[in-house]
């Protein structure tokens, strides 16, 4: 069961914790951090080799991995079978961390159906598959717990070229806002992580449709974003702190916290800035002949 400190803070010690996307980046860092804090972890990722590396790292640090299985979270049947095995062997979990995700950027005239579909399947339906299979048993067990969903700055703000990506990230934000209240009376807290740039493989491996990522102008724009990137270990620590302090929105950098506050308090200036940024991106796209 998730422990409670004197001040009522949730702790990881003794908790059974599921982490998706555990092969690298935020997922690996979160799995390592939870295990270091005394959790027994259940891990999954589509990348079997990376997942094995995470398991080895946790074991070398003296942590406990109950089960690790490589699977695709967009495969509902695979997630369901995994959940059945977890529950049969280890019982109900205490914390579920939906961290797995992927990113594609592009303008509407360049995005293809497969891009939209992938963003929704991986970033929205994948977490829903996990929620469907792991959260109801937590409700029925009556022991409380925590659900962590990773959205993005693109789930809060209208970032240029992020329409497909935002489809999934705004979607998981909406799911989380509803579950925040639906699960509250079951003692299950909900936490929505909204990272900006994070120094993970995703920063370099995201798909950019309709424009050359190696174009110097594109690299400059990307560099302006990634120069503020935080380390995945910092994100993991913020996630654990968010659970401990029962924070719904878990920010990982000041720029996103400020940007979201500013967008709500100063709607017209926010729209002006977004229009200017979007126009700059559009000029870049036109100048490349895409």
C-alpha atoms as a PDB file:
ATOM      1  CA  UNK A   1       0.000   0.000   0.000  1.00  0.00           C
ATOM      2  CA  UNK A   2       1.133   3.556  -0.608  1.00  0.00           C
ATOM      3  CA  UNK A   3       2.373   4.902   2.689  1.00  0.00           C
ATOM      4  CA  UNK A   4       1.276   8.143   4.331  1.00  0.00           C
ATOM      5  CA  UNK A   5       3.700  10.373   6.158  1.00  0.00           C
ATOM      6  CA  UNK A   6       2.921  12.431   9.255  1.00  0.00           C
ATOM      7  CA  UNK A   7       1.846  15.371   7.134  1.00  0.00           C
ATOM      8  CA  UNK A   8      -0.401  13.155   5.032  1.00  0.00           C
ATOM      9  CA  UNK A   9       2.017  12.971   2.108  1.00  0.00           C
ATOM     10  CA  UNK A  10       1.989   9.903  -0.065  1.00  0.00           C
ATOM     11  CA  UNK A  11       5.303   8.052  -0.204  1.00  0.00           C
ATOM     12  CA  UNK A  12       6.698   5.351  -2.459  1.00  0.00           C
ATOM     13  CA  UNK A  13       7.957   3.055   0.301  1.00  0.00           C
ATOM     14  CA  UNK A  14       6.240  -0.306   0.079  1.00  0.00           C
ATOM     15  CA  UNK A  15       4.125   0.716  -2.915  1.00  0.00           C
ATOM     16  CA  UNK A  16       3.648  -1.426  -5.998  1.00  0.00           C
ATOM     17  CA  UNK A  17       4.210   0.955  -8.890  1.00  0.00           C
ATOM     18  CA  UNK A  18       3.602   0.514 -12.621  1.00  0.00           C
ATOM     19  CA  UNK A  19       5.747   2.598 -14.984  1.00  0.00           C
ATOM     20  CA  UNK A  20       5.129   2.584 -18.733  1.00  0.00           C
ATOM     21  CA  UNK A  21       7.795   3.864 -21.111  1.00  0.00           C
ATOM     22  CA  UNK A  22      10.400   2.521 -18.673  1.00  0.00           C
ATOM     23  CA  UNK A  23      13.112   1.801 -21.266  1.00  0.00           C
ATOM     24  CA  UNK A  24      14.451   5.341 -21.446  1.00  0.00           C
ATOM     25  CA  UNK A  25      13.979   9.005 -20.619  1.00  0.00           C
ATOM     26  CA  UNK A  26      11.390  10.058 -18.074  1.00  0.00           C
ATOM     27  CA  UNK A  27      10.073   6.509 -17.727  1.00  0.00           C
ATOM     28  CA  UNK A  28      13.443   5.030 -16.838  1.00  0.00           C
ATOM     29  CA  UNK A  29      14.260   7.896 -14.479  1.00  0.00           C
ATOM     30  CA  UNK A  30      10.876   7.541 -12.754  1.00  0.00           C
ATOM     31  CA  UNK A  31      11.281   3.782 -12.379  1.00  0.00           C
ATOM     32  CA  UNK A  32      14.739   4.247 -10.861  1.00  0.00           C
ATOM     33  CA  UNK A  33      13.545   7.016  -8.541  1.00  0.00           C
ATOM     34  CA  UNK A  34      10.504   5.070  -7.335  1.00  0.00           C
ATOM     35  CA  UNK A  35      12.575   1.951  -6.697  1.00  0.00           C
ATOM     36  CA  UNK A  36      15.201   4.020  -4.863  1.00  0.00           C
ATOM     37  CA  UNK A  37      12.437   5.351  -2.610  1.00  0.00           C
ATOM     38  CA  UNK A  38      11.381   1.824  -1.680  1.00  0.00           C
ATOM     39  CA  UNK A  39       8.743   0.979  -4.276  1.00  0.00           C
ATOM     40  CA  UNK A  40       8.420  -2.413  -5.929  1.00  0.00           C
ATOM     41  CA  UNK A  41       8.091  -1.664  -9.614  1.00  0.00           C
ATOM     42  CA  UNK A  42       6.282  -3.204 -12.560  1.00  0.00           C
ATOM     43  CA  UNK A  43       7.721  -2.028 -15.859  1.00  0.00           C
ATOM     44  CA  UNK A  44       6.791  -2.029 -19.516  1.00  0.00           C
ATOM     45  CA  UNK A  45       7.997  -0.488 -22.763  1.00  0.00           C
ATOM     46  CA  UNK A  46       7.919  -1.374 -26.435  1.00  0.00           C
ATOM     47  CA  UNK A  47      11.746  -1.356 -26.428  1.00  0.00           C
ATOM     48  CA  UNK A  48      12.778  -4.732 -24.969  1.00  0.00           C
ATOM     49  CA  UNK A  49      16.502  -4.008 -24.932  1.00  0.00           C
ATOM     50  CA  UNK A  50      16.102  -0.682 -23.170  1.00  0.00           C
ATOM     51  CA  UNK A  51      13.681  -2.245 -20.708  1.00  0.00           C
ATOM     52  CA  UNK A  52      16.246  -4.911 -19.807  1.00  0.00           C
ATOM     53  CA  UNK A  53      18.792  -2.154 -19.180  1.00  0.00           C
ATOM     54  CA  UNK A  54      16.407  -0.417 -16.796  1.00  0.00           C
ATOM     55  CA  UNK A  55      15.763  -3.663 -14.937  1.00  0.00           C
ATOM     56  CA  UNK A  56      19.509  -4.225 -14.592  1.00  0.00           C
ATOM     57  CA  UNK A  57      20.071  -0.669 -13.351  1.00  0.00           C
ATOM     58  CA  UNK A  58      17.382  -1.013 -10.696  1.00  0.00           C
ATOM     59  CA  UNK A  59      18.765  -4.362  -9.575  1.00  0.00           C
ATOM     60  CA  UNK A  60      22.298  -2.976  -9.381  1.00  0.00           C
ATOM     61  CA  UNK A  61      21.024  -0.185  -7.136  1.00  0.00           C
ATOM     62  CA  UNK A  62      19.310  -2.680  -4.819  1.00  0.00           C
ATOM     63  CA  UNK A  63      15.777  -2.021  -6.028  1.00  0.00           C
ATOM     64  CA  UNK A  64      12.989  -4.511  -6.613  1.00  0.00           C
ATOM     65  CA  UNK A  65      11.420  -5.203 -10.033  1.00  0.00           C
ATOM     66  CA  UNK A  66       8.353  -7.398  -9.653  1.00  0.00           C
ATOM     67  CA  UNK A  67       7.780  -7.855 -13.371  1.00  0.00           C
ATOM     68  CA  UNK A  68       8.981  -6.321 -16.628  1.00  0.00           C
ATOM     69  CA  UNK A  69       7.440  -7.039 -20.013  1.00  0.00           C
ATOM     70  CA  UNK A  70       8.001  -5.514 -23.430  1.00  0.00           C
ATOM     71  CA  UNK A  71       4.711  -4.625 -25.105  1.00  0.00           C
ATOM     72  CA  UNK A  72       2.965  -1.970 -27.159  1.00  0.00           C
ATOM     73  CA  UNK A  73       0.486  -0.013 -25.032  1.00  0.00           C
ATOM     74  CA  UNK A  74      -1.609   0.691 -28.139  1.00  0.00           C
ATOM     75  CA  UNK A  75      -2.393  -3.050 -28.199  1.00  0.00           C
ATOM     76  CA  UNK A  76      -5.363  -3.332 -25.849  1.00  0.00           C
ATOM     77  CA  UNK A  77      -5.231  -7.129 -25.722  1.00  0.00           C
ATOM     78  CA  UNK A  78      -1.537  -7.097 -24.793  1.00  0.00           C
ATOM     79  CA  UNK A  79      -2.130  -4.571 -22.008  1.00  0.00           C
ATOM     80  CA  UNK A  80      -5.102  -6.595 -20.741  1.00  0.00           C
ATOM     81  CA  UNK A  81      -3.081  -9.828 -20.661  1.00  0.00           C
ATOM     82  CA  UNK A  82      -0.250  -8.028 -18.877  1.00  0.00           C
ATOM     83  CA  UNK A  83      -2.640  -6.636 -16.269  1.00  0.00           C
ATOM     84  CA  UNK A  84      -4.149 -10.061 -15.633  1.00  0.00           C
ATOM     85  CA  UNK A  85      -0.707 -11.535 -15.023  1.00  0.00           C
ATOM     86  CA  UNK A  86       0.292  -8.672 -12.731  1.00  0.00           C
ATOM     87  CA  UNK A  87      -2.872  -8.905 -10.674  1.00  0.00           C
ATOM     88  CA  UNK A  88      -2.751 -12.699 -10.466  1.00  0.00           C
ATOM     89  CA  UNK A  89       0.814 -12.712  -9.162  1.00  0.00           C
ATOM     90  CA  UNK A  90       1.105  -9.481  -7.199  1.00  0.00           C
ATOM     91  CA  UNK A  91      -2.398  -8.200  -6.554  1.00  0.00           C
ATOM     92  CA  UNK A  92      -3.631  -4.658  -7.012  1.00  0.00           C
ATOM     93  CA  UNK A  93      -1.120  -1.901  -7.661  1.00  0.00           C
ATOM     94  CA  UNK A  94      -0.835   1.328  -5.675  1.00  0.00           C
ATOM     95  CA  UNK A  95       0.559   3.773  -8.227  1.00  0.00           C
ATOM     96  CA  UNK A  96       0.130   3.807 -12.011  1.00  0.00           C
ATOM     97  CA  UNK A  97       2.464   6.023 -14.040  1.00  0.00           C
ATOM     98  CA  UNK A  98       1.470   6.535 -17.691  1.00  0.00           C
ATOM     99  CA  UNK A  99       4.734   7.858 -19.104  1.00  0.00           C
ATOM    100  CA  UNK A 100       5.134   6.196 -22.509  1.00  0.00           C
ATOM    101  CA  UNK A 101       4.680   8.586 -25.427  1.00  0.00           C
ATOM    102  CA  UNK A 102       5.941   9.778 -28.783  1.00  0.00           C
ATOM    103  CA  UNK A 103       5.943  13.005 -30.785  1.00  0.00           C
ATOM    104  CA  UNK A 104       5.221  14.162 -34.338  1.00  0.00           C
ATOM    105  CA  UNK A 105       5.087  17.801 -35.446  1.00  0.00           C
ATOM    106  CA  UNK A 106       3.765  19.184 -38.694  1.00  0.00           C
ATOM    107  CA  UNK A 107       1.261  21.486 -40.387  1.00  0.00           C
ATOM    108  CA  UNK A 108      -2.175  20.257 -41.369  1.00  0.00           C
ATOM    109  CA  UNK A 109      -1.391  20.258 -45.079  1.00  0.00           C
ATOM    110  CA  UNK A 110       1.644  18.033 -44.508  1.00  0.00           C
ATOM    111  CA  UNK A 111       0.368  15.663 -41.835  1.00  0.00           C
ATOM    112  CA  UNK A 112      -0.988  12.363 -43.085  1.00  0.00           C
ATOM    113  CA  UNK A 113      -3.690  10.286 -41.481  1.00  0.00           C
ATOM    114  CA  UNK A 114      -1.110   7.889 -40.073  1.00  0.00           C
ATOM    115  CA  UNK A 115       0.518  10.753 -38.138  1.00  0.00           C
ATOM    116  CA  UNK A 116      -2.739  11.832 -36.514  1.00  0.00           C
ATOM    117  CA  UNK A 117      -3.649   8.248 -35.745  1.00  0.00           C
ATOM    118  CA  UNK A 118      -0.288   7.430 -34.163  1.00  0.00           C
ATOM    119  CA  UNK A 119      -0.396  10.485 -31.900  1.00  0.00           C
ATOM    120  CA  UNK A 120      -3.859   9.591 -30.629  1.00  0.00           C
ATOM    121  CA  UNK A 121      -3.144   5.870 -30.305  1.00  0.00           C
ATOM    122  CA  UNK A 122       0.149   6.217 -28.429  1.00  0.00           C
ATOM    123  CA  UNK A 123      -0.449   9.352 -26.365  1.00  0.00           C
ATOM    124  CA  UNK A 124      -4.148   8.951 -25.573  1.00  0.00           C
ATOM    125  CA  UNK A 125      -5.493   5.459 -26.245  1.00  0.00           C
ATOM    126  CA  UNK A 126      -2.371   3.794 -24.857  1.00  0.00           C
ATOM    127  CA  UNK A 127      -2.760   5.475 -21.453  1.00  0.00           C
ATOM    128  CA  UNK A 128      -6.499   4.756 -21.563  1.00  0.00           C
ATOM    129  CA  UNK A 129      -5.747   1.046 -22.064  1.00  0.00           C
ATOM    130  CA  UNK A 130      -3.558   1.170 -18.968  1.00  0.00           C
ATOM    131  CA  UNK A 131      -6.169   3.083 -16.974  1.00  0.00           C
ATOM    132  CA  UNK A 132      -8.933   0.666 -17.994  1.00  0.00           C
ATOM    133  CA  UNK A 133      -6.968  -2.335 -16.800  1.00  0.00           C
ATOM    134  CA  UNK A 134      -5.204  -1.092 -13.691  1.00  0.00           C
ATOM    135  CA  UNK A 135      -7.296   1.656 -12.082  1.00  0.00           C
ATOM    136  CA  UNK A 136     -10.652  -0.135 -11.505  1.00  0.00           C
ATOM    137  CA  UNK A 137      -8.928  -2.826  -9.383  1.00  0.00           C
ATOM    138  CA  UNK A 138      -7.425   0.007  -7.314  1.00  0.00           C
ATOM    139  CA  UNK A 139     -10.933   1.394  -6.794  1.00  0.00           C
ATOM    140  CA  UNK A 140     -12.312  -2.002  -5.776  1.00  0.00           C
ATOM    141  CA  UNK A 141      -9.404  -2.657  -3.406  1.00  0.00           C
ATOM    142  CA  UNK A 142     -10.316   0.467  -1.447  1.00  0.00           C
ATOM    143  CA  UNK A 143      -6.722   1.251  -0.450  1.00  0.00           C
ATOM    144  CA  UNK A 144      -6.355   4.507  -2.362  1.00  0.00           C
ATOM    145  CA  UNK A 145      -3.316   5.220  -4.506  1.00  0.00           C
ATOM    146  CA  UNK A 146      -2.173   7.525  -7.273  1.00  0.00           C
ATOM    147  CA  UNK A 147      -2.509   7.836 -11.049  1.00  0.00           C
ATOM    148  CA  UNK A 148       0.118   9.785 -13.005  1.00  0.00           C
ATOM    149  CA  UNK A 149      -0.497  10.802 -16.618  1.00  0.00           C
ATOM    150  CA  UNK A 150       2.140  12.583 -18.670  1.00  0.00           C
ATOM    151  CA  UNK A 151       0.768  15.294 -20.946  1.00  0.00           C
ATOM    152  CA  UNK A 152       2.972  18.112 -22.245  1.00  0.00           C
ATOM    153  CA  UNK A 153       3.265  21.847 -22.624  1.00  0.00           C
ATOM    154  CA  UNK A 154       1.415  21.041 -25.854  1.00  0.00           C
ATOM    155  CA  UNK A 155      -1.482  19.891 -23.683  1.00  0.00           C
ATOM    156  CA  UNK A 156      -1.727  23.378 -22.183  1.00  0.00           C
ATOM    157  CA  UNK A 157      -0.657  25.803 -24.907  1.00  0.00           C
ATOM    158  CA  UNK A 158      -1.267  26.222 -28.650  1.00  0.00           C
ATOM    159  CA  UNK A 159       2.247  25.472 -29.858  1.00  0.00           C
ATOM    160  CA  UNK A 160       2.837  25.809 -33.637  1.00  0.00           C
ATOM    161  CA  UNK A 161       2.932  22.594 -35.678  1.00  0.00           C
ATOM    162  CA  UNK A 162       1.703  20.565 -32.684  1.00  0.00           C
ATOM    163  CA  UNK A 163      -1.901  19.902 -33.770  1.00  0.00           C
ATOM    164  CA  UNK A 164      -1.556  16.117 -34.042  1.00  0.00           C
ATOM    165  CA  UNK A 165       0.591  15.861 -30.930  1.00  0.00           C
ATOM    166  CA  UNK A 166      -1.797  18.103 -29.015  1.00  0.00           C
ATOM    167  CA  UNK A 167      -4.723  15.868 -30.015  1.00  0.00           C
ATOM    168  CA  UNK A 168      -3.356  13.193 -27.716  1.00  0.00           C
ATOM    169  CA  UNK A 169      -1.877  15.463 -25.064  1.00  0.00           C
ATOM    170  CA  UNK A 170      -4.952  17.664 -24.661  1.00  0.00           C
ATOM    171  CA  UNK A 171      -6.984  14.455 -24.613  1.00  0.00           C
ATOM    172  CA  UNK A 172      -5.081  12.908 -21.701  1.00  0.00           C
ATOM    173  CA  UNK A 173      -5.313  16.247 -19.919  1.00  0.00           C
ATOM    174  CA  UNK A 174      -9.118  16.092 -20.211  1.00  0.00           C
ATOM    175  CA  UNK A 175      -9.219  12.490 -19.013  1.00  0.00           C
ATOM    176  CA  UNK A 176      -7.058  13.446 -16.051  1.00  0.00           C
ATOM    177  CA  UNK A 177      -9.158  16.472 -15.082  1.00  0.00           C
ATOM    178  CA  UNK A 178     -12.287  14.337 -14.910  1.00  0.00           C
ATOM    179  CA  UNK A 179     -10.626  11.435 -13.096  1.00  0.00           C
ATOM    180  CA  UNK A 180      -9.127  13.885 -10.616  1.00  0.00           C
ATOM    181  CA  UNK A 181     -12.592  14.370  -9.173  1.00  0.00           C
ATOM    182  CA  UNK A 182     -14.097  10.972 -10.007  1.00  0.00           C
ATOM    183  CA  UNK A 183     -11.341   9.132  -8.140  1.00  0.00           C
ATOM    184  CA  UNK A 184     -10.957  11.538  -5.244  1.00  0.00           C
ATOM    185  CA  UNK A 185     -13.587   9.876  -3.086  1.00  0.00           C
ATOM    186  CA  UNK A 186     -11.801   6.564  -3.610  1.00  0.00           C
ATOM    187  CA  UNK A 187      -8.629   8.037  -2.153  1.00  0.00           C
ATOM    188  CA  UNK A 188      -6.840   7.895  -5.523  1.00  0.00           C
ATOM    189  CA  UNK A 189      -5.024  11.097  -6.422  1.00  0.00           C
ATOM    190  CA  UNK A 190      -4.479  12.093 -10.052  1.00  0.00           C
ATOM    191  CA  UNK A 191      -1.415  13.953 -11.281  1.00  0.00           C
ATOM    192  CA  UNK A 192      -0.965  15.515 -14.722  1.00  0.00           C
ATOM    193  CA  UNK A 193       2.675  16.053 -15.681  1.00  0.00           C
ATOM    194  CA  UNK A 194       3.188  18.886 -18.175  1.00  0.00           C
ATOM    195  CA  UNK A 195       6.852  18.929 -19.249  1.00  0.00           C
ATOM    196  CA  UNK A 196       8.422  21.393 -21.597  1.00  0.00           C
ATOM    197  CA  UNK A 197      11.698  20.340 -23.177  1.00  0.00           C
ATOM    198  CA  UNK A 198      13.289  17.324 -21.523  1.00  0.00           C
ATOM    199  CA  UNK A 199      16.719  15.989 -22.396  1.00  0.00           C
ATOM    200  CA  UNK A 200      15.574  12.568 -23.594  1.00  0.00           C
ATOM    201  CA  UNK A 201      15.952  10.675 -26.899  1.00  0.00           C
ATOM    202  CA  UNK A 202      12.499  12.045 -27.859  1.00  0.00           C
ATOM    203  CA  UNK A 203      13.962  15.552 -28.134  1.00  0.00           C
ATOM    204  CA  UNK A 204      16.133  14.420 -31.038  1.00  0.00           C
ATOM    205  CA  UNK A 205      13.970  11.629 -32.482  1.00  0.00           C
ATOM    206  CA  UNK A 206      10.615  13.379 -32.890  1.00  0.00           C
ATOM    207  CA  UNK A 207       9.129  13.319 -36.379  1.00  0.00           C
ATOM    208  CA  UNK A 208       8.900  16.649 -38.212  1.00  0.00           C
ATOM    209  CA  UNK A 209       6.624  16.259 -41.229  1.00  0.00           C
ATOM    210  CA  UNK A 210       7.038  18.359 -44.345  1.00  0.00           C
ATOM    211  CA  UNK A 211      10.289  20.097 -43.466  1.00  0.00           C
ATOM    212  CA  UNK A 212      13.943  19.147 -43.193  1.00  0.00           C
ATOM    213  CA  UNK A 213      14.983  18.859 -39.539  1.00  0.00           C
ATOM    214  CA  UNK A 214      18.584  19.523 -40.575  1.00  0.00           C
ATOM    215  CA  UNK A 215      17.783  22.901 -42.143  1.00  0.00           C
ATOM    216  CA  UNK A 216      19.887  25.438 -40.176  1.00  0.00           C
ATOM    217  CA  UNK A 217      16.851  27.627 -39.504  1.00  0.00           C
ATOM    218  CA  UNK A 218      14.914  24.675 -38.149  1.00  0.00           C
ATOM    219  CA  UNK A 219      17.875  23.674 -36.024  1.00  0.00           C
ATOM    220  CA  UNK A 220      18.031  27.187 -34.583  1.00  0.00           C
ATOM    221  CA  UNK A 221      14.353  27.082 -33.657  1.00  0.00           C
ATOM    222  CA  UNK A 222      14.729  23.625 -32.165  1.00  0.00           C
ATOM    223  CA  UNK A 223      17.801  24.796 -30.297  1.00  0.00           C
ATOM    224  CA  UNK A 224      15.888  27.716 -28.793  1.00  0.00           C
ATOM    225  CA  UNK A 225      13.448  25.173 -27.390  1.00  0.00           C
ATOM    226  CA  UNK A 226      15.883  22.483 -26.293  1.00  0.00           C
ATOM    227  CA  UNK A 227      18.339  24.848 -24.598  1.00  0.00           C
ATOM    228  CA  UNK A 228      15.806  24.966 -21.756  1.00  0.00           C
ATOM    229  CA  UNK A 229      15.629  21.173 -21.581  1.00  0.00           C
ATOM    230  CA  UNK A 230      15.754  19.647 -18.119  1.00  0.00           C
ATOM    231  CA  UNK A 231      17.133  16.236 -17.257  1.00  0.00           C
ATOM    232  CA  UNK A 232      14.730  13.280 -16.967  1.00  0.00           C
ATOM    233  CA  UNK A 233      15.907  12.729 -13.397  1.00  0.00           C
ATOM    234  CA  UNK A 234      14.607  16.196 -12.531  1.00  0.00           C
ATOM    235  CA  UNK A 235      11.231  15.335 -14.064  1.00  0.00           C
ATOM    236  CA  UNK A 236      11.106  12.079 -12.098  1.00  0.00           C
ATOM    237  CA  UNK A 237      11.818  13.910  -8.845  1.00  0.00           C
ATOM    238  CA  UNK A 238       9.038  16.392  -9.621  1.00  0.00           C
ATOM    239  CA  UNK A 239       6.626  13.534 -10.294  1.00  0.00           C
ATOM    240  CA  UNK A 240       7.374  11.920  -6.947  1.00  0.00           C
ATOM    241  CA  UNK A 241       7.118  15.284  -5.212  1.00  0.00           C
ATOM    242  CA  UNK A 242       3.804  15.941  -6.960  1.00  0.00           C
ATOM    243  CA  UNK A 243       2.430  12.671  -5.608  1.00  0.00           C
ATOM    244  CA  UNK A 244       3.743  13.380  -2.118  1.00  0.00           C
ATOM    245  CA  UNK A 245       2.207  16.855  -2.062  1.00  0.00           C
ATOM    246  CA  UNK A 246      -0.971  15.855  -3.926  1.00  0.00           C
ATOM    247  CA  UNK A 247      -0.458  18.330  -6.762  1.00  0.00           C
ATOM    248  CA  UNK A 248      -2.666  17.882  -9.799  1.00  0.00           C
ATOM    249  CA  UNK A 249      -0.536  19.847 -12.267  1.00  0.00           C
ATOM    250  CA  UNK A 250       3.094  18.773 -12.045  1.00  0.00           C
ATOM    251  CA  UNK A 251       5.368  21.286 -13.754  1.00  0.00           C
ATOM    252  CA  UNK A 252       8.951  20.426 -14.579  1.00  0.00           C
ATOM    253  CA  UNK A 253      10.181  23.897 -15.519  1.00  0.00           C
ATOM    254  CA  UNK A 254       9.276  27.490 -14.715  1.00  0.00           C
ATOM    255  CA  UNK A 255       8.734  28.525 -18.343  1.00  0.00           C
ATOM    256  CA  UNK A 256       5.753  26.217 -18.769  1.00  0.00           C
ATOM    257  CA  UNK A 257       4.266  27.160 -15.405  1.00  0.00           C
ATOM    258  CA  UNK A 258       4.557  30.852 -16.307  1.00  0.00           C
ATOM    259  CA  UNK A 259       3.308  30.343 -19.875  1.00  0.00           C
ATOM    260  CA  UNK A 260       0.161  28.550 -18.755  1.00  0.00           C
ATOM    261  CA  UNK A 261      -0.539  31.128 -16.036  1.00  0.00           C
ATOM    262  CA  UNK A 262      -0.008  33.934 -18.547  1.00  0.00           C
ATOM    263  CA  UNK A 263      -2.298  32.310 -21.148  1.00  0.00           C
ATOM    264  CA  UNK A 264      -5.140  32.193 -18.630  1.00  0.00           C
ATOM    265  CA  UNK A 265      -4.648  35.610 -17.063  1.00  0.00           C
ATOM    266  CA  UNK A 266      -3.809  37.559 -20.220  1.00  0.00           C
ATOM    267  CA  UNK A 267      -5.755  35.911 -23.036  1.00  0.00           C
ATOM    268  CA  UNK A 268      -5.368  38.670 -25.643  1.00  0.00           C
ATOM    269  CA  UNK A 269      -1.592  39.111 -25.251  1.00  0.00           C
ATOM    270  CA  UNK A 270      -1.244  35.326 -25.282  1.00  0.00           C
ATOM    271  CA  UNK A 271      -3.167  35.086 -28.560  1.00  0.00           C
ATOM    272  CA  UNK A 272      -1.056  37.902 -30.027  1.00  0.00           C
ATOM    273  CA  UNK A 273       2.191  36.123 -29.172  1.00  0.00           C
ATOM    274  CA  UNK A 274       0.963  32.741 -30.429  1.00  0.00           C
ATOM    275  CA  UNK A 275      -0.100  34.352 -33.722  1.00  0.00           C
ATOM    276  CA  UNK A 276       3.341  35.942 -34.111  1.00  0.00           C
ATOM    277  CA  UNK A 277       5.117  32.671 -33.357  1.00  0.00           C
ATOM    278  CA  UNK A 278       2.832  30.739 -35.687  1.00  0.00           C
ATOM    279  CA  UNK A 279       3.463  33.292 -38.464  1.00  0.00           C
ATOM    280  CA  UNK A 280       7.209  32.897 -37.974  1.00  0.00           C
ATOM    281  CA  UNK A 281       6.910  29.138 -38.320  1.00  0.00           C
ATOM    282  CA  UNK A 282       4.731  29.555 -41.416  1.00  0.00           C
ATOM    283  CA  UNK A 283       7.301  31.818 -43.061  1.00  0.00           C
ATOM    284  CA  UNK A 284       9.961  29.235 -42.356  1.00  0.00           C
ATOM    285  CA  UNK A 285       7.834  26.522 -43.922  1.00  0.00           C
ATOM    286  CA  UNK A 286       7.177  28.654 -47.017  1.00  0.00           C
ATOM    287  CA  UNK A 287      10.843  29.538 -47.417  1.00  0.00           C
ATOM    288  CA  UNK A 288      11.814  25.862 -47.545  1.00  0.00           C
ATOM    289  CA  UNK A 289       9.388  25.263 -50.408  1.00  0.00           C
ATOM    290  CA  UNK A 290       7.416  22.638 -48.470  1.00  0.00           C
END
